[in-house]
Each structure stands twice: as C-alpha cells, then as structure tokens.
Amino acid sequence: MDKQGKNQETNYLSPNQKAWGRLKRNKSAIFGMFIIFISIFLAVFAYALAPDSTPNANDQILEIRTEEPGFSVMMLKRRKDQELKQTWFLGRLLNGQESIYEKIPIKSYEFSGGKIVVDRYTGDDLDIDLDTFSLAEIVH
C-alpha cells in the first residue's frame, strides 16, 4: 500500500507481452509478418486459386505446346470416358483434382444431325483432321 492507503497496481508484463509490444512498434517486422502470412495462404490455397487445378498443373494440350505466347485457338471440351474418383476437400487443396474433360483444339466445327464434326488443330495448316463426336459427349 502507498501512503494514501490505496493498493498499488503492478504493471507486470509477461515475456510474450513484452515481445509482442516490441514487435508492434517495429513497422518493418509487421510488414514482413504480413508477407509471410500471405505466402502461407497462397501456398495452401494454390490449387483453388490457379486456373489449372489439375495435379502438378499438368493439363497439357500437346498440339499447342510450341505456339508463341498470346496464341489463341478454339477449344472443345469433351467429357472423358473413364470415371474419375472424387478427392476430398483437403486433398483437392493440397494436390488438385483431375479434370473430367479432355480439351481438344479445333480450327472449325459444324453440326450434322446429333453430331458435331470438328477440324482438329494439329499445328499444321496443311492437315485436315476431321473428327466426329456425339453431342451427348460434348453437352453432358
């Protein structure tokens, strides 16, 4: 007690509180901690954020592998024949998910009855590579 009979408050701070107080005063340390947290967030949710969420970002289309950046071509998405196993949520976040579609680069297409006839893009302007697909394969 002090002279006036009041209890004196002790301002005891634990080592963690002292360290946190010093850290809050250091603006560059706060900025560095922010960068570290953003990096961890991006690492954990990379497959959810990336445009290619297949395992190892391996959704390659071999016909267009040698084209220049900025190249564009029409793509036909065809459902794959085999059943793909669904992975659980955390597995998709960490490793990605196989695509249920096969992407086919095409130059042109036309509808014929219940089918679609496409001219596949092969990289050569000389080749005419016509394929026919059922609309059920494409729409479903």
N, C-alpha and C. Protein backbone atom coordinates (compact mmCIF):
# COMPACT_ATOMS: atom_id res chain seq x y z
N MET A 1 0.84 -1.18 0.00
CA MET A 1 0.00 0.00 0.00
C MET A 1 0.89 1.24 0.00
N ASP A 2 0.38 2.27 -0.62
CA ASP A 2 1.14 3.52 -0.59
C ASP A 2 0.69 4.38 0.58
N LYS A 3 1.14 5.62 0.63
CA LYS A 3 0.87 6.48 1.77
C LYS A 3 -0.61 6.79 1.95
N GLN A 4 -1.38 6.77 0.88
CA GLN A 4 -2.79 7.12 0.98
C GLN A 4 -3.67 5.90 1.22
N GLY A 5 -3.10 4.73 1.40
CA GLY A 5 -3.86 3.54 1.72
C GLY A 5 -4.43 2.84 0.49
N LYS A 6 -4.01 3.19 -0.71
CA LYS A 6 -4.51 2.55 -1.93
C LYS A 6 -3.53 1.45 -2.35
N ASN A 7 -4.10 0.41 -2.92
CA ASN A 7 -3.25 -0.67 -3.45
C ASN A 7 -2.57 -0.20 -4.71
N GLN A 8 -1.31 -0.46 -4.80
CA GLN A 8 -0.55 -0.07 -5.98
C GLN A 8 -0.67 -1.19 -7.01
N GLU A 9 -1.07 -0.85 -8.21
CA GLU A 9 -1.18 -1.85 -9.27
C GLU A 9 0.20 -2.19 -9.77
N THR A 10 0.42 -3.45 -9.94
CA THR A 10 1.70 -3.85 -10.52
C THR A 10 1.49 -4.00 -12.01
N ASN A 11 2.35 -3.42 -12.77
CA ASN A 11 2.28 -3.49 -14.22
C ASN A 11 3.21 -4.57 -14.72
N TYR A 12 2.94 -5.77 -14.30
CA TYR A 12 3.78 -6.89 -14.71
C TYR A 12 3.35 -7.33 -16.10
N LEU A 13 4.30 -7.46 -17.00
CA LEU A 13 4.05 -7.97 -18.35
C LEU A 13 4.85 -9.25 -18.53
N SER A 14 4.21 -10.24 -19.10
CA SER A 14 4.90 -11.50 -19.36
C SER A 14 5.91 -11.28 -20.49
N PRO A 15 6.86 -12.17 -20.63
CA PRO A 15 7.82 -12.05 -21.75
C PRO A 15 7.13 -12.02 -23.11
N ASN A 16 6.04 -12.79 -23.27
CA ASN A 16 5.31 -12.77 -24.54
C ASN A 16 4.67 -11.41 -24.80
N GLN A 17 4.11 -10.80 -23.76
CA GLN A 17 3.50 -9.48 -23.93
C GLN A 17 4.56 -8.44 -24.26
N LYS A 18 5.72 -8.53 -23.63
CA LYS A 18 6.81 -7.59 -23.94
C LYS A 18 7.28 -7.75 -25.38
N ALA A 19 7.44 -8.99 -25.81
CA ALA A 19 7.89 -9.25 -27.19
C ALA A 19 6.86 -8.75 -28.19
N TRP A 20 5.58 -8.99 -27.92
CA TRP A 20 4.52 -8.53 -28.83
C TRP A 20 4.49 -7.01 -28.89
N GLY A 21 4.68 -6.36 -27.77
CA GLY A 21 4.71 -4.89 -27.75
C GLY A 21 5.87 -4.35 -28.56
N ARG A 22 7.03 -4.98 -28.45
CA ARG A 22 8.18 -4.54 -29.25
C ARG A 22 7.93 -4.80 -30.73
N LEU A 23 7.31 -5.94 -31.04
CA LEU A 23 7.03 -6.27 -32.44
C LEU A 23 6.05 -5.28 -33.05
N LYS A 24 5.02 -4.87 -32.31
CA LYS A 24 4.03 -3.93 -32.84
C LYS A 24 4.63 -2.57 -33.13
N ARG A 25 5.66 -2.19 -32.43
CA ARG A 25 6.30 -0.90 -32.69
C ARG A 25 7.22 -0.94 -33.91
N ASN A 26 7.61 -2.11 -34.33
CA ASN A 26 8.53 -2.27 -35.47
C ASN A 26 7.70 -2.48 -36.74
N LYS A 27 7.53 -1.43 -37.54
CA LYS A 27 6.65 -1.48 -38.73
C LYS A 27 7.18 -2.44 -39.80
N SER A 28 8.50 -2.52 -39.97
CA SER A 28 9.04 -3.42 -40.99
C SER A 28 8.82 -4.89 -40.59
N ALA A 29 8.87 -5.19 -39.29
CA ALA A 29 8.60 -6.55 -38.83
C ALA A 29 7.14 -6.92 -39.06
N ILE A 30 6.22 -5.98 -38.83
CA ILE A 30 4.80 -6.23 -39.09
C ILE A 30 4.58 -6.47 -40.58
N PHE A 31 5.23 -5.68 -41.42
CA PHE A 31 5.11 -5.86 -42.87
C PHE A 31 5.66 -7.23 -43.28
N GLY A 32 6.80 -7.64 -42.74
CA GLY A 32 7.38 -8.95 -43.04
C GLY A 32 6.46 -10.08 -42.59
N MET A 33 5.84 -9.93 -41.42
CA MET A 33 4.92 -10.94 -40.93
C MET A 33 3.70 -11.04 -41.85
N PHE A 34 3.23 -9.91 -42.35
CA PHE A 34 2.12 -9.88 -43.29
C PHE A 34 2.49 -10.63 -44.58
N ILE A 35 3.69 -10.40 -45.09
CA ILE A 35 4.15 -11.08 -46.30
C ILE A 35 4.23 -12.59 -46.07
N ILE A 36 4.72 -13.00 -44.91
CA ILE A 36 4.81 -14.42 -44.59
C ILE A 36 3.43 -15.05 -44.54
N PHE A 37 2.46 -14.39 -43.91
CA PHE A 37 1.10 -14.93 -43.82
C PHE A 37 0.44 -15.01 -45.20
N ILE A 38 0.65 -14.03 -46.05
CA ILE A 38 0.11 -14.06 -47.41
C ILE A 38 0.73 -15.22 -48.18
N SER A 39 2.04 -15.44 -48.03
CA SER A 39 2.72 -16.54 -48.72
C SER A 39 2.18 -17.89 -48.27
N ILE A 40 1.95 -18.05 -46.98
CA ILE A 40 1.38 -19.30 -46.46
C ILE A 40 -0.02 -19.51 -47.02
N PHE A 41 -0.83 -18.47 -47.05
CA PHE A 41 -2.19 -18.55 -47.60
C PHE A 41 -2.15 -18.99 -49.06
N LEU A 42 -1.27 -18.37 -49.86
CA LEU A 42 -1.18 -18.72 -51.28
C LEU A 42 -0.67 -20.14 -51.47
N ALA A 43 0.25 -20.59 -50.62
CA ALA A 43 0.76 -21.95 -50.74
C ALA A 43 -0.32 -22.98 -50.43
N VAL A 44 -1.14 -22.72 -49.42
CA VAL A 44 -2.18 -23.68 -49.04
C VAL A 44 -3.31 -23.70 -50.06
N PHE A 45 -3.71 -22.55 -50.57
CA PHE A 45 -4.86 -22.47 -51.48
C PHE A 45 -4.45 -22.31 -52.94
N ALA A 46 -3.23 -22.72 -53.31
CA ALA A 46 -2.73 -22.53 -54.67
C ALA A 46 -3.61 -23.23 -55.71
N TYR A 47 -3.99 -24.48 -55.46
CA TYR A 47 -4.80 -25.20 -56.46
C TYR A 47 -6.19 -24.61 -56.59
N ALA A 48 -6.71 -24.04 -55.52
CA ALA A 48 -8.03 -23.42 -55.60
C ALA A 48 -7.97 -22.10 -56.37
N LEU A 49 -6.83 -21.41 -56.33
CA LEU A 49 -6.69 -20.11 -56.97
C LEU A 49 -6.17 -20.20 -58.40
N ALA A 50 -5.45 -21.25 -58.74
CA ALA A 50 -4.82 -21.37 -60.05
C ALA A 50 -5.85 -21.71 -61.13
N PRO A 51 -5.63 -21.23 -62.36
CA PRO A 51 -6.56 -21.57 -63.44
C PRO A 51 -6.48 -23.05 -63.83
N ASP A 52 -5.34 -23.70 -63.63
CA ASP A 52 -5.20 -25.12 -63.91
C ASP A 52 -5.08 -25.85 -62.58
N SER A 53 -6.17 -26.42 -62.11
CA SER A 53 -6.17 -27.05 -60.79
C SER A 53 -5.96 -28.55 -60.86
N THR A 54 -5.38 -29.05 -61.96
CA THR A 54 -5.06 -30.46 -62.05
C THR A 54 -3.77 -30.73 -61.28
N PRO A 55 -3.52 -31.99 -60.88
CA PRO A 55 -2.28 -32.29 -60.16
C PRO A 55 -1.05 -31.87 -60.95
N ASN A 56 -0.14 -31.18 -60.29
CA ASN A 56 1.08 -30.66 -60.89
C ASN A 56 0.81 -29.68 -62.04
N ALA A 57 -0.38 -29.09 -62.07
CA ALA A 57 -0.78 -28.17 -63.15
C ALA A 57 -0.44 -28.78 -64.50
N ASN A 58 -0.89 -30.00 -64.72
CA ASN A 58 -0.46 -30.79 -65.85
C ASN A 58 -1.60 -31.03 -66.84
N ASP A 59 -2.40 -30.04 -67.10
CA ASP A 59 -3.48 -30.15 -68.07
C ASP A 59 -2.94 -29.67 -69.42
N GLN A 60 -2.03 -30.46 -69.98
CA GLN A 60 -1.34 -30.05 -71.20
C GLN A 60 -2.16 -30.37 -72.44
N ILE A 61 -1.97 -29.53 -73.43
CA ILE A 61 -2.56 -29.77 -74.75
C ILE A 61 -1.38 -29.80 -75.71
N LEU A 62 -0.99 -30.99 -76.12
CA LEU A 62 0.26 -31.16 -76.85
C LEU A 62 0.27 -30.46 -78.21
N GLU A 63 -0.89 -30.30 -78.82
CA GLU A 63 -0.92 -29.68 -80.15
C GLU A 63 -0.50 -28.21 -80.12
N ILE A 64 -0.64 -27.55 -79.00
CA ILE A 64 -0.31 -26.12 -78.95
C ILE A 64 0.94 -25.84 -78.13
N ARG A 65 1.72 -26.85 -77.79
CA ARG A 65 2.88 -26.68 -76.92
C ARG A 65 3.96 -25.78 -77.51
N THR A 66 4.07 -25.71 -78.84
CA THR A 66 5.15 -24.93 -79.45
C THR A 66 4.70 -23.55 -79.93
N GLU A 67 3.47 -23.19 -79.67
CA GLU A 67 2.97 -21.91 -80.12
C GLU A 67 3.50 -20.76 -79.26
N GLU A 68 3.53 -19.58 -79.82
CA GLU A 68 4.02 -18.39 -79.13
C GLU A 68 3.05 -17.95 -78.04
N PRO A 69 3.54 -17.26 -77.02
CA PRO A 69 2.63 -16.71 -76.00
C PRO A 69 1.61 -15.77 -76.65
N GLY A 70 0.39 -15.81 -76.19
CA GLY A 70 -0.68 -15.00 -76.76
C GLY A 70 -1.44 -15.70 -77.86
N PHE A 71 -1.01 -16.90 -78.24
CA PHE A 71 -1.69 -17.69 -79.26
C PHE A 71 -3.08 -18.06 -78.77
N SER A 72 -4.06 -18.05 -79.65
CA SER A 72 -5.40 -18.47 -79.25
C SER A 72 -5.97 -19.41 -80.30
N VAL A 73 -6.76 -20.34 -79.82
CA VAL A 73 -7.42 -21.31 -80.68
C VAL A 73 -8.71 -21.73 -79.97
N MET A 74 -9.71 -22.16 -80.74
CA MET A 74 -10.95 -22.64 -80.12
C MET A 74 -10.69 -23.99 -79.46
N MET A 75 -11.36 -24.20 -78.34
CA MET A 75 -11.23 -25.47 -77.62
C MET A 75 -12.60 -26.12 -77.50
N LEU A 76 -12.61 -27.42 -77.68
CA LEU A 76 -13.81 -28.22 -77.49
C LEU A 76 -13.58 -29.06 -76.24
N LYS A 77 -14.48 -28.92 -75.26
CA LYS A 77 -14.36 -29.70 -74.03
C LYS A 77 -15.23 -30.94 -74.16
N ARG A 78 -14.58 -32.09 -74.14
CA ARG A 78 -15.28 -33.37 -74.27
C ARG A 78 -15.12 -34.14 -72.97
N ARG A 79 -16.20 -34.67 -72.48
CA ARG A 79 -16.16 -35.43 -71.22
C ARG A 79 -15.35 -36.70 -71.43
N LYS A 80 -14.44 -37.00 -70.48
CA LYS A 80 -13.61 -38.20 -70.57
C LYS A 80 -14.47 -39.44 -70.38
N ASP A 81 -14.03 -40.55 -70.98
CA ASP A 81 -14.79 -41.79 -70.93
C ASP A 81 -14.74 -42.45 -69.55
N GLN A 82 -13.60 -42.38 -68.88
CA GLN A 82 -13.48 -43.08 -67.60
C GLN A 82 -14.03 -42.22 -66.47
N GLU A 83 -14.47 -42.92 -65.42
CA GLU A 83 -14.93 -42.25 -64.21
C GLU A 83 -13.73 -41.82 -63.40
N LEU A 84 -13.73 -40.60 -62.95
CA LEU A 84 -12.64 -40.10 -62.13
C LEU A 84 -13.07 -40.11 -60.68
N LYS A 85 -12.17 -40.56 -59.82
CA LYS A 85 -12.51 -40.58 -58.40
C LYS A 85 -12.47 -39.16 -57.84
N GLN A 86 -13.44 -38.86 -57.03
CA GLN A 86 -13.51 -37.55 -56.39
C GLN A 86 -12.62 -37.56 -55.16
N THR A 87 -11.81 -36.53 -55.03
CA THR A 87 -10.95 -36.43 -53.86
C THR A 87 -11.63 -35.56 -52.82
N TRP A 88 -11.24 -35.73 -51.59
CA TRP A 88 -11.82 -34.96 -50.51
C TRP A 88 -11.28 -33.54 -50.55
N PHE A 89 -11.94 -32.65 -49.83
CA PHE A 89 -11.66 -31.21 -49.90
C PHE A 89 -10.20 -30.88 -49.63
N LEU A 90 -9.64 -31.39 -48.55
CA LEU A 90 -8.24 -31.08 -48.22
C LEU A 90 -7.30 -31.66 -49.26
N GLY A 91 -7.64 -32.81 -49.80
CA GLY A 91 -6.83 -33.40 -50.88
C GLY A 91 -6.81 -32.54 -52.12
N ARG A 92 -7.96 -31.93 -52.46
CA ARG A 92 -8.01 -31.01 -53.61
C ARG A 92 -7.19 -29.77 -53.35
N LEU A 93 -7.21 -29.27 -52.09
CA LEU A 93 -6.42 -28.08 -51.78
C LEU A 93 -4.93 -28.35 -51.89
N LEU A 94 -4.50 -29.53 -51.48
CA LEU A 94 -3.07 -29.83 -51.46
C LEU A 94 -2.54 -30.39 -52.78
N ASN A 95 -3.34 -31.17 -53.50
CA ASN A 95 -2.84 -31.86 -54.69
C ASN A 95 -3.61 -31.57 -55.96
N GLY A 96 -4.73 -30.90 -55.89
CA GLY A 96 -5.53 -30.64 -57.08
C GLY A 96 -6.48 -31.79 -57.38
N GLN A 97 -7.21 -31.67 -58.49
CA GLN A 97 -8.22 -32.65 -58.90
C GLN A 97 -8.09 -32.87 -60.40
N GLU A 98 -8.09 -34.13 -60.81
CA GLU A 98 -8.08 -34.44 -62.24
C GLU A 98 -9.30 -33.82 -62.92
N SER A 99 -9.12 -33.33 -64.11
CA SER A 99 -10.23 -32.75 -64.86
C SER A 99 -11.11 -33.85 -65.43
N ILE A 100 -12.41 -33.62 -65.47
CA ILE A 100 -13.32 -34.60 -66.06
C ILE A 100 -13.47 -34.38 -67.57
N TYR A 101 -12.81 -33.34 -68.09
CA TYR A 101 -12.91 -33.01 -69.50
C TYR A 101 -11.57 -33.16 -70.21
N GLU A 102 -11.65 -33.52 -71.47
CA GLU A 102 -10.50 -33.52 -72.36
C GLU A 102 -10.66 -32.28 -73.25
N LYS A 103 -9.62 -31.48 -73.36
CA LYS A 103 -9.69 -30.27 -74.20
C LYS A 103 -9.08 -30.58 -75.56
N ILE A 104 -9.84 -30.29 -76.61
CA ILE A 104 -9.40 -30.57 -77.97
C ILE A 104 -9.32 -29.25 -78.72
N PRO A 105 -8.12 -28.86 -79.21
CA PRO A 105 -8.03 -27.63 -80.01
C PRO A 105 -8.61 -27.86 -81.40
N ILE A 106 -9.44 -26.92 -81.85
CA ILE A 106 -10.09 -27.09 -83.15
C ILE A 106 -9.94 -25.82 -83.98
N LYS A 107 -9.94 -26.02 -85.31
CA LYS A 107 -9.92 -24.89 -86.25
C LYS A 107 -11.34 -24.47 -86.60
N SER A 108 -12.20 -25.46 -86.82
CA SER A 108 -13.58 -25.16 -87.20
C SER A 108 -14.47 -26.33 -86.78
N TYR A 109 -15.76 -26.08 -86.81
CA TYR A 109 -16.72 -27.13 -86.46
C TYR A 109 -18.02 -26.90 -87.21
N GLU A 110 -18.81 -27.96 -87.32
CA GLU A 110 -20.15 -27.85 -87.89
C GLU A 110 -21.02 -28.95 -87.28
N PHE A 111 -22.29 -28.66 -87.19
CA PHE A 111 -23.24 -29.62 -86.62
C PHE A 111 -23.86 -30.42 -87.76
N SER A 112 -24.00 -31.72 -87.53
CA SER A 112 -24.59 -32.60 -88.52
C SER A 112 -25.48 -33.59 -87.79
N GLY A 113 -26.78 -33.31 -87.78
CA GLY A 113 -27.72 -34.17 -87.05
C GLY A 113 -27.44 -34.08 -85.55
N GLY A 114 -27.24 -35.21 -84.92
CA GLY A 114 -26.95 -35.25 -83.49
C GLY A 114 -25.47 -35.34 -83.22
N LYS A 115 -24.67 -34.90 -84.19
CA LYS A 115 -23.21 -35.00 -84.04
C LYS A 115 -22.57 -33.65 -84.35
N ILE A 116 -21.34 -33.53 -83.90
CA ILE A 116 -20.54 -32.35 -84.23
C ILE A 116 -19.29 -32.84 -84.94
N VAL A 117 -19.00 -32.23 -86.09
CA VAL A 117 -17.82 -32.57 -86.88
C VAL A 117 -16.83 -31.44 -86.70
N VAL A 118 -15.63 -31.79 -86.23
CA VAL A 118 -14.61 -30.76 -85.95
C VAL A 118 -13.38 -31.02 -86.78
N ASP A 119 -12.72 -29.93 -87.14
CA ASP A 119 -11.41 -29.99 -87.78
C ASP A 119 -10.39 -29.69 -86.70
N ARG A 120 -9.68 -30.72 -86.25
CA ARG A 120 -8.72 -30.56 -85.16
C ARG A 120 -7.56 -29.67 -85.58
N TYR A 121 -7.10 -28.87 -84.62
CA TYR A 121 -5.88 -28.09 -84.83
C TYR A 121 -4.71 -28.99 -84.50
N THR A 122 -3.80 -29.18 -85.47
CA THR A 122 -2.64 -30.04 -85.26
C THR A 122 -1.33 -29.27 -85.31
N GLY A 123 -1.38 -28.00 -85.59
CA GLY A 123 -0.16 -27.20 -85.72
C GLY A 123 0.20 -26.96 -87.17
N ASP A 124 -0.31 -27.80 -88.06
CA ASP A 124 -0.06 -27.64 -89.49
C ASP A 124 -1.30 -27.09 -90.14
N ASP A 125 -1.12 -26.15 -91.03
CA ASP A 125 -2.27 -25.66 -91.78
C ASP A 125 -2.60 -26.59 -92.95
N LEU A 126 -1.69 -27.50 -93.25
CA LEU A 126 -1.89 -28.39 -94.39
C LEU A 126 -2.80 -29.56 -94.06
N ASP A 127 -2.75 -30.03 -92.82
CA ASP A 127 -3.53 -31.21 -92.44
C ASP A 127 -5.00 -30.85 -92.20
N ILE A 128 -5.86 -31.73 -92.69
CA ILE A 128 -7.28 -31.65 -92.34
C ILE A 128 -7.57 -32.93 -91.56
N ASP A 129 -7.84 -32.76 -90.28
CA ASP A 129 -8.06 -33.89 -89.39
C ASP A 129 -9.48 -33.78 -88.83
N LEU A 130 -10.43 -34.43 -89.51
CA LEU A 130 -11.83 -34.35 -89.12
C LEU A 130 -12.17 -35.44 -88.11
N ASP A 131 -12.85 -35.05 -87.05
CA ASP A 131 -13.36 -35.99 -86.05
C ASP A 131 -14.84 -35.72 -85.85
N THR A 132 -15.55 -36.77 -85.51
CA THR A 132 -16.98 -36.66 -85.26
C THR A 132 -17.25 -37.09 -83.83
N PHE A 133 -18.02 -36.28 -83.11
CA PHE A 133 -18.38 -36.58 -81.73
C PHE A 133 -19.89 -36.47 -81.58
N SER A 134 -20.42 -37.29 -80.73
CA SER A 134 -21.84 -37.20 -80.39
C SER A 134 -22.06 -35.96 -79.53
N LEU A 135 -23.17 -35.27 -79.72
CA LEU A 135 -23.45 -34.09 -78.91
C LEU A 135 -23.61 -34.45 -77.44
N ALA A 136 -24.01 -35.68 -77.16
CA ALA A 136 -24.15 -36.10 -75.77
C ALA A 136 -22.80 -36.10 -75.06
N GLU A 137 -21.71 -36.41 -75.79
CA GLU A 137 -20.38 -36.38 -75.19
C GLU A 137 -19.95 -34.96 -74.87
N ILE A 138 -20.40 -34.02 -75.67
CA ILE A 138 -19.98 -32.63 -75.52
C ILE A 138 -20.83 -31.89 -74.51
N VAL A 139 -22.14 -32.04 -74.60
CA VAL A 139 -23.05 -31.28 -73.75
C VAL A 139 -23.10 -31.82 -72.34
N HIS A 140 -23.07 -33.14 -72.19
CA HIS A 140 -23.22 -33.76 -70.85
C HIS A 140 -22.01 -33.53 -70.04
